[in-house]
Every structure is written in C-alpha cells, then in structure tokens.
Amino acid sequence: MKNILVAVDFLELTNRLLEMAAVFAEKFNAKIWLVHVAEPDPDFVGYEVGPQYIRDNVAKELRQEHRELQALAKGLEEKGLNAEALLIQGYTAESLVEEAGDVKADLIILGAAHHGKIFESLFGSVWEDVVKKSKIPILVLPA
C-alpha cells in the first residue's frame, strides 16, 4: 500500500479519518492524499453563474476550504507523514473515485454521515455511491 485517499468534508468525522489514515500510512509508509470535493461550477452543471458577488463568495469559500485542507496536511506532515491536500470540484462520489484512480490510491477512507431518510432518498449517500463505483478497497468509518 503506497497511497491512501482520505475524503475530507470538514465535519465531525474528519479527525477520526485522519487518525485512521495515519495508522495505515505509518504501517505501510504510504502517502496520504487529503481530498475535499467542492460543489461543481454552476457553468459545469448548466446554470448561469449569477452576479459577480455570488462568484466572489464562491471563490472565497473555495480559498477557505483549501487553506483548511492544507492545514490538515501540514498537521500530518508535522507528525512525519507524507501528505498532500487536493481540493477538486465535481460530484462527490464520482470525483472521489476518479481522483483515487489518478493518485493510484490503494485504499479510500471516508466517513458515513447520515442525513436522514428523506435526504438520502432524494440525494443518495456519498459513501454508498463510492462503494458501488470503486474498484479499490474502502474503509468506511461510521458517524
């Protein structure tokens, strides 16, 4: 095992995901890829981007998420681990599986956050979609 992809959403499971990734990375001398998937660009999904203040706000949020992701990677590096932060845009499950292939991940670590029956019936579950689409092993940590 040389590459571990960790799906980061900045919610309550983030620290547990990083701890688990650190355990595997130490055992196998693997690189940790911290990946956060931001919402796709409105143009990408066929919508107008809207007024400039909306675009500025989205850009500000993306910069903040990228800084937070880099801080997480730096924290792992301070523990002597090889870590890199990636902020990508797209549909979460598809983007995670694609990025796992791009970085040649041997393992995906993600959390199983439950949003409720109505939400999941309308939008599905990211972790379930990743499990269905991935061809590499996945470690799912419960919320």
N, C-alpha and C. Protein backbone atom coordinates (compact mmCIF):
# COMPACT_ATOMS: atom_id res chain seq x y z
N MET A 1 0.86 -1.17 0.00
CA MET A 1 0.00 0.00 0.00
C MET A 1 0.90 1.23 0.00
N LYS A 2 0.75 2.04 -1.04
CA LYS A 2 1.59 3.22 -1.19
C LYS A 2 0.83 4.54 -1.14
N ASN A 3 -0.47 4.52 -1.46
CA ASN A 3 -1.27 5.75 -1.50
C ASN A 3 -2.62 5.52 -0.84
N ILE A 4 -2.98 6.44 0.06
CA ILE A 4 -4.25 6.38 0.76
C ILE A 4 -5.00 7.68 0.48
N LEU A 5 -6.20 7.57 -0.05
CA LEU A 5 -7.03 8.75 -0.29
C LEU A 5 -8.00 8.88 0.87
N VAL A 6 -8.04 10.05 1.47
CA VAL A 6 -8.97 10.33 2.57
C VAL A 6 -9.93 11.41 2.11
N ALA A 7 -11.23 11.09 2.12
CA ALA A 7 -12.26 12.04 1.74
C ALA A 7 -12.56 12.94 2.94
N VAL A 8 -12.30 14.23 2.79
CA VAL A 8 -12.45 15.18 3.88
C VAL A 8 -13.65 16.08 3.61
N ASP A 9 -14.55 16.15 4.60
CA ASP A 9 -15.70 17.05 4.46
C ASP A 9 -15.74 18.12 5.55
N PHE A 10 -14.73 18.15 6.41
CA PHE A 10 -14.59 19.14 7.48
C PHE A 10 -15.68 19.01 8.55
N LEU A 11 -16.33 17.86 8.63
CA LEU A 11 -17.35 17.66 9.65
C LEU A 11 -16.78 16.85 10.80
N GLU A 12 -17.66 16.32 11.65
CA GLU A 12 -17.21 15.69 12.89
C GLU A 12 -16.29 14.50 12.71
N LEU A 13 -16.35 13.80 11.60
CA LEU A 13 -15.52 12.61 11.41
C LEU A 13 -14.11 12.91 10.93
N THR A 14 -13.83 14.12 10.57
CA THR A 14 -12.55 14.45 9.94
C THR A 14 -11.36 13.99 10.78
N ASN A 15 -11.36 14.29 12.07
CA ASN A 15 -10.23 13.90 12.91
C ASN A 15 -10.07 12.39 12.99
N ARG A 16 -11.17 11.66 13.09
CA ARG A 16 -11.09 10.19 13.12
C ARG A 16 -10.56 9.63 11.80
N LEU A 17 -10.97 10.23 10.70
CA LEU A 17 -10.48 9.79 9.39
C LEU A 17 -8.97 10.00 9.29
N LEU A 18 -8.50 11.15 9.77
CA LEU A 18 -7.07 11.44 9.73
C LEU A 18 -6.29 10.50 10.64
N GLU A 19 -6.83 10.21 11.80
CA GLU A 19 -6.17 9.27 12.71
C GLU A 19 -6.03 7.89 12.08
N MET A 20 -7.09 7.42 11.45
CA MET A 20 -7.06 6.11 10.80
C MET A 20 -6.08 6.11 9.63
N ALA A 21 -6.09 7.17 8.86
CA ALA A 21 -5.15 7.26 7.74
C ALA A 21 -3.71 7.26 8.24
N ALA A 22 -3.46 7.95 9.35
CA ALA A 22 -2.11 8.00 9.93
C ALA A 22 -1.65 6.60 10.35
N VAL A 23 -2.55 5.81 10.92
CA VAL A 23 -2.20 4.45 11.34
C VAL A 23 -1.76 3.63 10.12
N PHE A 24 -2.55 3.67 9.06
CA PHE A 24 -2.20 2.91 7.85
C PHE A 24 -0.93 3.46 7.19
N ALA A 25 -0.81 4.78 7.14
CA ALA A 25 0.35 5.38 6.49
C ALA A 25 1.64 5.01 7.24
N GLU A 26 1.59 5.00 8.55
CA GLU A 26 2.77 4.62 9.33
C GLU A 26 3.13 3.16 9.11
N LYS A 27 2.13 2.29 9.10
CA LYS A 27 2.38 0.86 8.93
C LYS A 27 2.97 0.53 7.56
N PHE A 28 2.48 1.22 6.54
CA PHE A 28 2.85 0.87 5.16
C PHE A 28 3.75 1.91 4.49
N ASN A 29 4.17 2.93 5.24
CA ASN A 29 4.98 4.00 4.68
C ASN A 29 4.29 4.58 3.43
N ALA A 30 3.01 4.87 3.57
CA ALA A 30 2.20 5.33 2.45
C ALA A 30 2.00 6.84 2.48
N LYS A 31 1.70 7.39 1.33
CA LYS A 31 1.36 8.80 1.21
C LYS A 31 -0.14 8.97 1.43
N ILE A 32 -0.50 10.03 2.14
CA ILE A 32 -1.91 10.33 2.39
C ILE A 32 -2.33 11.48 1.47
N TRP A 33 -3.37 11.23 0.71
CA TRP A 33 -3.97 12.25 -0.16
C TRP A 33 -5.26 12.72 0.49
N LEU A 34 -5.28 13.94 1.01
CA LEU A 34 -6.49 14.51 1.58
C LEU A 34 -7.26 15.19 0.46
N VAL A 35 -8.47 14.71 0.23
CA VAL A 35 -9.26 15.22 -0.90
C VAL A 35 -10.59 15.76 -0.39
N HIS A 36 -10.85 17.00 -0.75
CA HIS A 36 -12.16 17.59 -0.48
C HIS A 36 -12.80 17.91 -1.82
N VAL A 37 -14.03 17.46 -1.99
CA VAL A 37 -14.75 17.73 -3.23
C VAL A 37 -15.75 18.86 -2.97
N ALA A 38 -15.51 19.98 -3.63
CA ALA A 38 -16.42 21.12 -3.55
C ALA A 38 -17.50 20.96 -4.62
N GLU A 39 -18.57 21.71 -4.44
CA GLU A 39 -19.65 21.65 -5.42
C GLU A 39 -19.13 22.04 -6.80
N PRO A 40 -19.71 21.44 -7.86
CA PRO A 40 -19.25 21.79 -9.21
C PRO A 40 -19.59 23.22 -9.56
N ASP A 41 -18.81 23.78 -10.49
CA ASP A 41 -19.10 25.11 -11.00
C ASP A 41 -20.51 25.14 -11.58
N PRO A 42 -21.26 26.21 -11.35
CA PRO A 42 -22.60 26.30 -11.96
C PRO A 42 -22.57 26.13 -13.47
N ASP A 43 -21.56 26.69 -14.14
CA ASP A 43 -21.46 26.54 -15.59
C ASP A 43 -21.35 25.08 -15.98
N PHE A 44 -20.63 24.31 -15.17
CA PHE A 44 -20.41 22.89 -15.44
C PHE A 44 -21.72 22.11 -15.44
N VAL A 45 -22.64 22.50 -14.56
CA VAL A 45 -23.91 21.77 -14.47
C VAL A 45 -25.03 22.44 -15.25
N GLY A 46 -24.69 23.46 -16.06
CA GLY A 46 -25.67 24.04 -16.95
C GLY A 46 -26.44 25.23 -16.42
N TYR A 47 -25.96 25.87 -15.37
CA TYR A 47 -26.65 27.03 -14.81
C TYR A 47 -25.80 28.28 -15.02
N GLU A 48 -26.46 29.39 -15.05
CA GLU A 48 -25.75 30.67 -15.11
C GLU A 48 -25.02 30.85 -13.77
N VAL A 49 -23.86 31.48 -13.81
CA VAL A 49 -23.09 31.66 -12.59
C VAL A 49 -23.63 32.77 -11.71
N GLY A 50 -24.45 33.64 -12.26
CA GLY A 50 -25.05 34.69 -11.45
C GLY A 50 -24.18 35.93 -11.37
N PRO A 51 -24.60 36.84 -10.50
CA PRO A 51 -23.87 38.11 -10.38
C PRO A 51 -22.48 37.92 -9.79
N GLN A 52 -21.66 38.94 -9.97
CA GLN A 52 -20.27 38.89 -9.53
C GLN A 52 -20.15 38.60 -8.03
N TYR A 53 -21.02 39.17 -7.21
CA TYR A 53 -20.90 38.94 -5.77
C TYR A 53 -21.09 37.46 -5.41
N ILE A 54 -21.88 36.73 -6.18
CA ILE A 54 -22.05 35.29 -5.96
C ILE A 54 -20.74 34.58 -6.31
N ARG A 55 -20.17 34.91 -7.45
CA ARG A 55 -18.90 34.30 -7.85
C ARG A 55 -17.79 34.60 -6.85
N ASP A 56 -17.77 35.84 -6.36
CA ASP A 56 -16.76 36.22 -5.36
C ASP A 56 -16.93 35.42 -4.07
N ASN A 57 -18.17 35.22 -3.66
CA ASN A 57 -18.44 34.46 -2.44
C ASN A 57 -18.02 32.99 -2.59
N VAL A 58 -18.32 32.41 -3.74
CA VAL A 58 -17.92 31.02 -4.00
C VAL A 58 -16.40 30.90 -4.00
N ALA A 59 -15.73 31.84 -4.64
CA ALA A 59 -14.27 31.83 -4.68
C ALA A 59 -13.69 31.96 -3.27
N LYS A 60 -14.29 32.80 -2.46
CA LYS A 60 -13.84 32.99 -1.07
C LYS A 60 -13.99 31.68 -0.28
N GLU A 61 -15.12 31.02 -0.44
CA GLU A 61 -15.35 29.74 0.24
C GLU A 61 -14.34 28.68 -0.20
N LEU A 62 -14.06 28.61 -1.50
CA LEU A 62 -13.10 27.64 -2.01
C LEU A 62 -11.70 27.91 -1.46
N ARG A 63 -11.31 29.17 -1.40
CA ARG A 63 -9.99 29.50 -0.83
C ARG A 63 -9.91 29.09 0.63
N GLN A 64 -10.98 29.34 1.40
CA GLN A 64 -11.00 28.96 2.80
C GLN A 64 -10.92 27.45 2.97
N GLU A 65 -11.68 26.71 2.19
CA GLU A 65 -11.64 25.24 2.26
C GLU A 65 -10.24 24.73 1.90
N HIS A 66 -9.61 25.35 0.91
CA HIS A 66 -8.27 24.93 0.52
C HIS A 66 -7.27 25.19 1.64
N ARG A 67 -7.38 26.34 2.31
CA ARG A 67 -6.49 26.64 3.43
C ARG A 67 -6.68 25.61 4.55
N GLU A 68 -7.93 25.29 4.86
CA GLU A 68 -8.20 24.30 5.91
C GLU A 68 -7.63 22.93 5.54
N LEU A 69 -7.77 22.56 4.29
CA LEU A 69 -7.25 21.28 3.82
C LEU A 69 -5.72 21.25 3.90
N GLN A 70 -5.10 22.35 3.50
CA GLN A 70 -3.64 22.43 3.59
C GLN A 70 -3.17 22.37 5.04
N ALA A 71 -3.92 22.96 5.95
CA ALA A 71 -3.56 22.92 7.38
C ALA A 71 -3.63 21.48 7.89
N LEU A 72 -4.63 20.72 7.44
CA LEU A 72 -4.72 19.31 7.85
C LEU A 72 -3.51 18.53 7.34
N ALA A 73 -3.13 18.77 6.10
CA ALA A 73 -1.97 18.09 5.52
C ALA A 73 -0.70 18.48 6.27
N LYS A 74 -0.57 19.75 6.61
CA LYS A 74 0.61 20.20 7.35
C LYS A 74 0.68 19.53 8.71
N GLY A 75 -0.48 19.36 9.37
CA GLY A 75 -0.51 18.67 10.65
C GLY A 75 -0.01 17.24 10.54
N LEU A 76 -0.37 16.56 9.47
CA LEU A 76 0.12 15.19 9.26
C LEU A 76 1.62 15.19 8.97
N GLU A 77 2.07 16.16 8.18
CA GLU A 77 3.49 16.25 7.86
C GLU A 77 4.32 16.52 9.11
N GLU A 78 3.78 17.30 10.04
CA GLU A 78 4.48 17.58 11.29
C GLU A 78 4.64 16.32 12.14
N LYS A 79 3.81 15.32 11.88
CA LYS A 79 3.92 14.03 12.56
C LYS A 79 4.84 13.08 11.79
N GLY A 80 5.48 13.59 10.75
CA GLY A 80 6.41 12.78 9.97
C GLY A 80 5.78 11.99 8.85
N LEU A 81 4.54 12.32 8.49
CA LEU A 81 3.85 11.60 7.43
C LEU A 81 3.90 12.39 6.13
N ASN A 82 3.82 11.68 5.02
CA ASN A 82 3.80 12.28 3.70
C ASN A 82 2.33 12.54 3.34
N ALA A 83 1.94 13.81 3.25
CA ALA A 83 0.54 14.14 2.98
C ALA A 83 0.45 15.26 1.97
N GLU A 84 -0.59 15.20 1.16
CA GLU A 84 -0.85 16.24 0.18
C GLU A 84 -2.34 16.54 0.16
N ALA A 85 -2.68 17.84 0.02
CA ALA A 85 -4.06 18.28 0.02
C ALA A 85 -4.52 18.58 -1.40
N LEU A 86 -5.71 18.10 -1.74
CA LEU A 86 -6.29 18.36 -3.06
C LEU A 86 -7.74 18.83 -2.89
N LEU A 87 -8.04 19.97 -3.46
CA LEU A 87 -9.40 20.48 -3.49
C LEU A 87 -9.85 20.38 -4.94
N ILE A 88 -10.92 19.62 -5.17
CA ILE A 88 -11.43 19.45 -6.52
C ILE A 88 -12.91 19.80 -6.54
N GLN A 89 -13.42 20.08 -7.71
CA GLN A 89 -14.84 20.38 -7.86
C GLN A 89 -15.50 19.30 -8.69
N GLY A 90 -16.71 18.95 -8.32
CA GLY A 90 -17.46 17.97 -9.09
C GLY A 90 -18.49 17.29 -8.22
N TYR A 91 -19.04 16.23 -8.75
CA TYR A 91 -19.99 15.42 -8.00
C TYR A 91 -19.17 14.52 -7.08
N THR A 92 -19.51 14.50 -5.81
CA THR A 92 -18.63 13.95 -4.79
C THR A 92 -18.20 12.51 -5.04
N ALA A 93 -19.12 11.57 -5.16
CA ALA A 93 -18.75 10.16 -5.28
C ALA A 93 -17.92 9.92 -6.55
N GLU A 94 -18.39 10.43 -7.67
CA GLU A 94 -17.67 10.23 -8.93
C GLU A 94 -16.28 10.85 -8.87
N SER A 95 -16.20 12.05 -8.29
CA SER A 95 -14.92 12.75 -8.21
C SER A 95 -13.94 12.01 -7.31
N LEU A 96 -14.42 11.48 -6.19
CA LEU A 96 -13.54 10.73 -5.29
C LEU A 96 -12.98 9.48 -5.97
N VAL A 97 -13.84 8.74 -6.64
CA VAL A 97 -13.40 7.52 -7.31
C VAL A 97 -12.41 7.86 -8.43
N GLU A 98 -12.70 8.90 -9.19
CA GLU A 98 -11.79 9.31 -10.27
C GLU A 98 -10.44 9.76 -9.71
N GLU A 99 -10.48 10.55 -8.65
CA GLU A 99 -9.23 11.04 -8.05
C GLU A 99 -8.43 9.89 -7.45
N ALA A 100 -9.12 8.92 -6.88
CA ALA A 100 -8.43 7.74 -6.34
C ALA A 100 -7.65 7.04 -7.45
N GLY A 101 -8.24 6.97 -8.63
CA GLY A 101 -7.53 6.39 -9.76
C GLY A 101 -6.35 7.24 -10.20
N ASP A 102 -6.55 8.56 -10.21
CA ASP A 102 -5.49 9.48 -10.64
C ASP A 102 -4.26 9.41 -9.73
N VAL A 103 -4.48 9.28 -8.42
CA VAL A 103 -3.35 9.24 -7.47
C VAL A 103 -2.89 7.81 -7.20
N LYS A 104 -3.50 6.86 -7.90
CA LYS A 104 -3.19 5.44 -7.74
C LYS A 104 -3.36 4.98 -6.29
N ALA A 105 -4.49 5.38 -5.71
CA ALA A 105 -4.79 5.03 -4.32
C ALA A 105 -4.99 3.53 -4.18
N ASP A 106 -4.48 3.00 -3.09
CA ASP A 106 -4.66 1.59 -2.75
C ASP A 106 -5.79 1.41 -1.75
N LEU A 107 -6.23 2.52 -1.15
CA LEU A 107 -7.29 2.49 -0.14
C LEU A 107 -7.96 3.85 -0.12
N ILE A 108 -9.28 3.84 0.02
CA ILE A 108 -10.07 5.06 0.23
C ILE A 108 -10.61 4.99 1.65
N ILE A 109 -10.43 6.08 2.39
CA ILE A 109 -11.00 6.17 3.74
C ILE A 109 -12.00 7.31 3.72
N LEU A 110 -13.23 7.00 4.14
CA LEU A 110 -14.26 8.04 4.20
C LEU A 110 -15.23 7.76 5.33
N GLY A 111 -16.02 8.75 5.63
CA GLY A 111 -16.98 8.64 6.72
C GLY A 111 -18.38 8.40 6.20
N ALA A 112 -19.18 7.78 7.05
CA ALA A 112 -20.58 7.52 6.72
C ALA A 112 -21.45 8.45 7.55
N ALA A 113 -21.67 9.63 7.04
CA ALA A 113 -22.55 10.58 7.71
C ALA A 113 -23.98 10.30 7.27
N HIS A 114 -24.88 10.27 8.21
CA HIS A 114 -26.28 10.01 7.88
C HIS A 114 -27.06 11.32 7.98
N HIS A 115 -27.79 11.61 6.91
CA HIS A 115 -28.53 12.87 6.84
C HIS A 115 -30.03 12.68 7.06
N GLY A 116 -30.47 11.48 7.22
CA GLY A 116 -31.89 11.22 7.38
C GLY A 116 -32.47 10.54 6.16
N LYS A 117 -33.57 9.85 6.37
CA LYS A 117 -34.19 9.04 5.30
C LYS A 117 -34.64 9.88 4.11
N ILE A 118 -35.26 11.02 4.36
CA ILE A 118 -35.76 11.84 3.26
C ILE A 118 -34.61 12.37 2.42
N PHE A 119 -33.59 12.92 3.07
CA PHE A 119 -32.43 13.44 2.35
C PHE A 119 -31.78 12.35 1.51
N GLU A 120 -31.53 11.19 2.14
CA GLU A 120 -30.85 10.11 1.42
C GLU A 120 -31.71 9.52 0.31
N SER A 121 -33.04 9.53 0.48
CA SER A 121 -33.88 9.03 -0.60
C SER A 121 -33.87 9.98 -1.80
N LEU A 122 -33.72 11.26 -1.54
CA LEU A 122 -33.66 12.24 -2.63
C LEU A 122 -32.28 12.34 -3.26
N PHE A 123 -31.24 12.35 -2.43
CA PHE A 123 -29.89 12.63 -2.93
C PHE A 123 -28.94 11.45 -2.85
N GLY A 124 -29.32 10.40 -2.15
CA GLY A 124 -28.43 9.25 -2.02
C GLY A 124 -27.38 9.48 -0.95
N SER A 125 -26.49 8.53 -0.83
CA SER A 125 -25.45 8.59 0.17
C SER A 125 -24.09 8.53 -0.53
N VAL A 126 -23.22 9.47 -0.22
CA VAL A 126 -21.92 9.52 -0.88
C VAL A 126 -21.14 8.25 -0.63
N TRP A 127 -21.07 7.80 0.62
CA TRP A 127 -20.25 6.63 0.90
C TRP A 127 -20.79 5.40 0.19
N GLU A 128 -22.11 5.26 0.11
CA GLU A 128 -22.68 4.11 -0.61
C GLU A 128 -22.36 4.18 -2.10
N ASP A 129 -22.43 5.39 -2.66
CA ASP A 129 -22.10 5.56 -4.09
C ASP A 129 -20.63 5.25 -4.36
N VAL A 130 -19.75 5.67 -3.46
CA VAL A 130 -18.33 5.38 -3.63
C VAL A 130 -18.10 3.87 -3.57
N VAL A 131 -18.75 3.21 -2.62
CA VAL A 131 -18.61 1.75 -2.51
C VAL A 131 -19.06 1.07 -3.79
N LYS A 132 -20.14 1.53 -4.38
CA LYS A 132 -20.66 0.93 -5.61
C LYS A 132 -19.74 1.17 -6.81
N LYS A 133 -19.09 2.33 -6.86
CA LYS A 133 -18.32 2.72 -8.04
C LYS A 133 -16.84 2.35 -7.97
N SER A 134 -16.32 2.16 -6.77
CA SER A 134 -14.88 1.95 -6.62
C SER A 134 -14.47 0.50 -6.89
N LYS A 135 -13.27 0.36 -7.40
CA LYS A 135 -12.70 -0.98 -7.63
C LYS A 135 -11.56 -1.25 -6.65
N ILE A 136 -11.30 -0.30 -5.75
CA ILE A 136 -10.24 -0.48 -4.75
C ILE A 136 -10.88 -0.57 -3.37
N PRO A 137 -10.15 -1.12 -2.39
CA PRO A 137 -10.72 -1.26 -1.04
C PRO A 137 -11.10 0.09 -0.42
N ILE A 138 -12.15 0.04 0.38
CA ILE A 138 -12.68 1.24 1.03
C ILE A 138 -12.87 0.94 2.52
N LEU A 139 -12.44 1.88 3.34
CA LEU A 139 -12.68 1.82 4.77
C LEU A 139 -13.69 2.91 5.10
N VAL A 140 -14.87 2.51 5.59
CA VAL A 140 -15.91 3.46 5.92
C VAL A 140 -16.03 3.53 7.44
N LEU A 141 -15.83 4.74 8.00
CA LEU A 141 -15.97 4.94 9.43
C LEU A 141 -17.36 5.48 9.72
N PRO A 142 -18.07 4.85 10.65
CA PRO A 142 -19.42 5.34 10.95
C PRO A 142 -19.40 6.65 11.73
N ALA A 143 -20.46 7.41 11.56
CA ALA A 143 -20.59 8.69 12.28
C ALA A 143 -20.82 8.42 13.76
